[in-house]
Amino acid sequence: MASSHFKKKTSTKQEIPTASLPDIIFMLLIFFMVTTVLRETTVQVRTMLPQAEALTKIDQKRLVSYVYIGPQKLDGNRLGDTGVQIDDAVVEDLGNVRTIMYRKLIEQPKLIVSLKVDQTSEMGIVLDVQQEFREAGTLRINYSSRREVVL
């Protein structure tokens, strides 16, 4: 005699446990906050870099302080006199370059100064800035350029 023994099918859903989800989101948030570097400088001078054949890339960007030399950007896409910009501020008196760079060197002894000089800038102002670097003891200087395109 045929016994009708049927198993009752259970309809249980397999749900993904979400108890640890806030911990994972918090760890991801901390990771991205620590590894993200935000751009801090608003460039107020034009810097069209000259071309070069042999370039060396600086690996440790945290040790680099950028100094921009070029015509100041004015309203209406006009250009003004040649200016020197360190971080977000345009330096009016070149004598202040020495003080600013000395303070930066005290904070970061392995400081590398990266000069981004517009190709149309006069060499006289560049030499004056270099002299101020020497007076401040900032001797690790890098000259930024763009790679020459070979056709």
Protein backbone atom coordinates (compact mmCIF):
# COMPACT_ATOMS: atom_id res chain seq x y z
CA MET A 1 0.00 0.00 0.00
CA ALA A 2 1.34 3.17 -0.99
CA SER A 3 1.94 5.45 1.85
CA SER A 4 1.83 8.98 0.97
CA HIS A 5 4.63 10.45 2.95
CA PHE A 6 5.22 13.91 1.70
CA LYS A 7 7.80 16.23 3.17
CA LYS A 8 6.58 19.62 3.94
CA LYS A 9 8.58 22.17 1.98
CA THR A 10 9.80 25.03 4.05
CA SER A 11 9.98 28.39 2.47
CA THR A 12 12.86 29.97 4.35
CA LYS A 13 14.82 32.72 2.71
CA GLN A 14 18.56 32.94 3.04
CA GLU A 15 19.22 36.54 4.02
CA ILE A 16 22.58 38.26 3.98
CA PRO A 17 23.59 39.20 7.51
CA THR A 18 23.91 42.98 7.74
CA ALA A 19 25.11 43.27 11.32
CA SER A 20 28.70 44.03 10.28
CA LEU A 21 27.76 46.39 7.43
CA PRO A 22 28.24 49.63 9.46
CA ASP A 23 31.72 48.44 10.48
CA ILE A 24 32.69 47.78 6.88
CA ILE A 25 31.37 51.15 5.72
CA PHE A 26 33.23 52.91 8.53
CA MET A 27 36.51 51.16 7.63
CA LEU A 28 36.11 52.12 3.95
CA LEU A 29 35.36 55.71 4.90
CA ILE A 30 38.48 55.91 7.07
CA PHE A 31 40.59 54.29 4.34
CA PHE A 32 39.54 56.83 1.71
CA MET A 33 39.93 59.76 4.10
CA VAL A 34 43.49 58.71 4.91
CA THR A 35 44.61 57.95 1.37
CA THR A 36 42.99 60.86 -0.46
CA VAL A 37 45.12 63.93 -1.09
CA LEU A 38 43.15 67.05 -1.83
CA ARG A 39 44.51 69.79 -4.02
CA GLU A 40 45.23 72.73 -1.77
CA THR A 41 46.66 75.30 -4.16
CA THR A 42 44.77 77.63 -6.44
CA VAL A 43 47.28 78.70 -9.07
CA GLN A 44 47.15 82.47 -9.56
CA VAL A 45 49.98 82.71 -12.10
CA ARG A 46 50.20 81.18 -15.56
CA THR A 47 52.79 78.47 -15.94
CA MET A 48 53.35 77.12 -19.42
CA LEU A 49 56.23 74.77 -18.69
CA PRO A 50 59.14 74.38 -21.11
CA GLN A 51 59.80 71.01 -22.73
CA ALA A 52 62.59 68.64 -21.71
CA GLU A 53 63.93 65.33 -22.93
CA ALA A 54 65.13 63.71 -19.69
CA LEU A 55 62.72 63.85 -16.77
CA THR A 56 62.77 62.31 -13.30
CA LYS A 57 59.57 61.85 -11.36
CA ILE A 58 59.46 62.65 -7.64
CA ASP A 59 57.90 59.77 -5.74
CA GLN A 60 57.26 61.43 -2.37
CA LYS A 61 54.84 64.26 -3.16
CA ARG A 62 54.42 65.12 0.53
CA LEU A 63 58.00 66.42 0.67
CA VAL A 64 57.45 68.81 -2.24
CA SER A 65 56.60 72.50 -1.98
CA TYR A 66 55.54 74.10 -5.26
CA VAL A 67 56.65 77.61 -6.25
CA TYR A 68 55.03 79.11 -9.34
CA ILE A 69 56.66 81.92 -11.33
CA GLY A 70 54.83 83.52 -14.22
CA PRO A 71 52.49 86.30 -15.31
CA GLN A 72 49.68 86.85 -12.83
CA LYS A 73 46.20 85.92 -14.00
CA LEU A 74 43.83 88.90 -14.07
CA ASP A 75 40.12 89.20 -14.76
CA GLY A 76 38.96 88.66 -18.33
CA ASN A 77 41.79 86.24 -19.29
CA ARG A 78 44.33 89.05 -19.09
CA LEU A 79 47.86 88.61 -17.79
CA GLY A 80 49.68 90.98 -15.47
CA ASP A 81 53.24 91.37 -14.29
CA THR A 82 55.39 88.38 -13.40
CA GLY A 83 54.58 87.10 -9.93
CA VAL A 84 55.86 84.50 -7.52
CA GLN A 85 53.33 82.22 -5.81
CA ILE A 86 54.10 79.95 -2.89
CA ASP A 87 51.18 77.75 -1.87
CA ASP A 88 48.02 79.87 -2.22
CA ALA A 89 49.58 83.31 -1.78
CA VAL A 90 51.30 85.54 -4.31
CA VAL A 91 54.46 86.96 -2.74
CA GLU A 92 54.65 90.71 -3.27
CA ASP A 93 58.16 91.24 -1.88
CA LEU A 94 60.83 88.73 -2.91
CA GLY A 95 62.47 89.17 0.51
CA ASN A 96 59.53 87.26 2.00
CA VAL A 97 60.44 84.17 -0.05
CA ARG A 98 63.42 83.59 2.26
CA THR A 99 61.28 83.73 5.41
CA ILE A 100 58.54 81.50 4.01
CA MET A 101 60.96 78.87 2.73
CA TYR A 102 62.99 78.90 5.96
CA ARG A 103 59.83 78.18 7.97
CA LYS A 104 58.87 75.38 5.58
CA LEU A 105 62.38 73.91 5.87
CA ILE A 106 62.16 73.92 9.66
CA GLU A 107 58.84 72.03 9.49
CA GLN A 108 60.09 69.57 6.86
CA PRO A 109 63.92 69.15 6.82
CA LYS A 110 63.81 66.97 3.66
CA LEU A 111 61.84 69.59 1.74
CA ILE A 112 62.13 69.64 -2.05
CA VAL A 113 61.16 72.87 -3.80
CA SER A 114 59.62 72.35 -7.22
CA LEU A 115 59.88 75.45 -9.40
CA LYS A 116 57.17 75.72 -12.02
CA VAL A 117 58.33 78.60 -14.20
CA ASP A 118 56.43 79.95 -17.19
CA GLN A 119 58.52 79.69 -20.35
CA THR A 120 58.03 83.41 -21.07
CA SER A 121 59.23 84.57 -17.63
CA GLU A 122 62.39 86.62 -17.33
CA MET A 123 65.38 84.75 -15.96
CA GLY A 124 66.24 87.64 -13.63
CA ILE A 125 63.28 86.98 -11.32
CA VAL A 126 64.07 83.25 -11.33
CA LEU A 127 67.65 83.99 -10.27
CA ASP A 128 66.39 86.30 -7.51
CA VAL A 129 64.11 83.56 -6.19
CA GLN A 130 66.95 81.03 -6.35
CA GLN A 131 69.15 83.41 -4.33
CA GLU A 132 66.42 83.68 -1.69
CA PHE A 133 66.28 79.88 -1.55
CA ARG A 134 70.04 79.76 -0.95
CA GLU A 135 69.77 82.34 1.84
CA ALA A 136 67.01 80.26 3.48
CA GLY A 137 69.09 77.07 3.20
CA THR A 138 66.62 75.46 0.80
CA LEU A 139 69.03 73.72 -1.52
CA ARG A 140 66.98 70.81 -2.87
CA ILE A 141 65.38 72.37 -5.95
CA ASN A 142 63.53 70.65 -8.77
CA TYR A 143 62.70 72.38 -12.07
CA SER A 144 59.37 71.20 -13.45
CA SER A 145 58.88 70.77 -17.18
CA ARG A 146 56.77 68.79 -19.57
CA ARG A 147 58.02 65.89 -21.62
CA GLU A 148 59.11 66.74 -25.15
CA VAL A 149 56.88 65.12 -27.75
CA VAL A 150 58.94 63.28 -30.36
CA LEU A 151 57.20 62.88 -33.70
